[in-house]
Amino acid sequence: MNFFVYLLQCKDSSYYCGWTNNIEKRIKAHNAGTASKYTNSRRPVKLVYFEKAKNLPSALQREFQIKQLTRKQKEILVNKFRKSIFRERDLNRTVQCKL
């Protein structure tokens, strides 16, 4: 079973960190208002960061670590994640063009 730690940005620009074994289903639950009291009043939310964990204990540990970060540190984490996604996307385009 796969586990993920994720970070959401809420409508009020606050961040919410959690873990799940199904990101798509969990985000839908947050946006439906059924996943968390915190995000219920801050909808819609959008996924801004996620990482895969080896197992549930690892996911819980990483969730705790992220929750201890300052807002600025979370923003840095999100920005690095975005850059890596764009870099990967651009690399895939380059590889496809050369084929």
Foldseek 3Di string as FASTA:
>chain_A
DKKKWFWKQFQVRDIDIDMDRDVVVQLVCLQVLNNDPVSNVGDDIDTQDMDIAPDDVRNVVVSVVLVPDDPVVVVVRSVVRVVVVVVVVVVVVVVVVVD
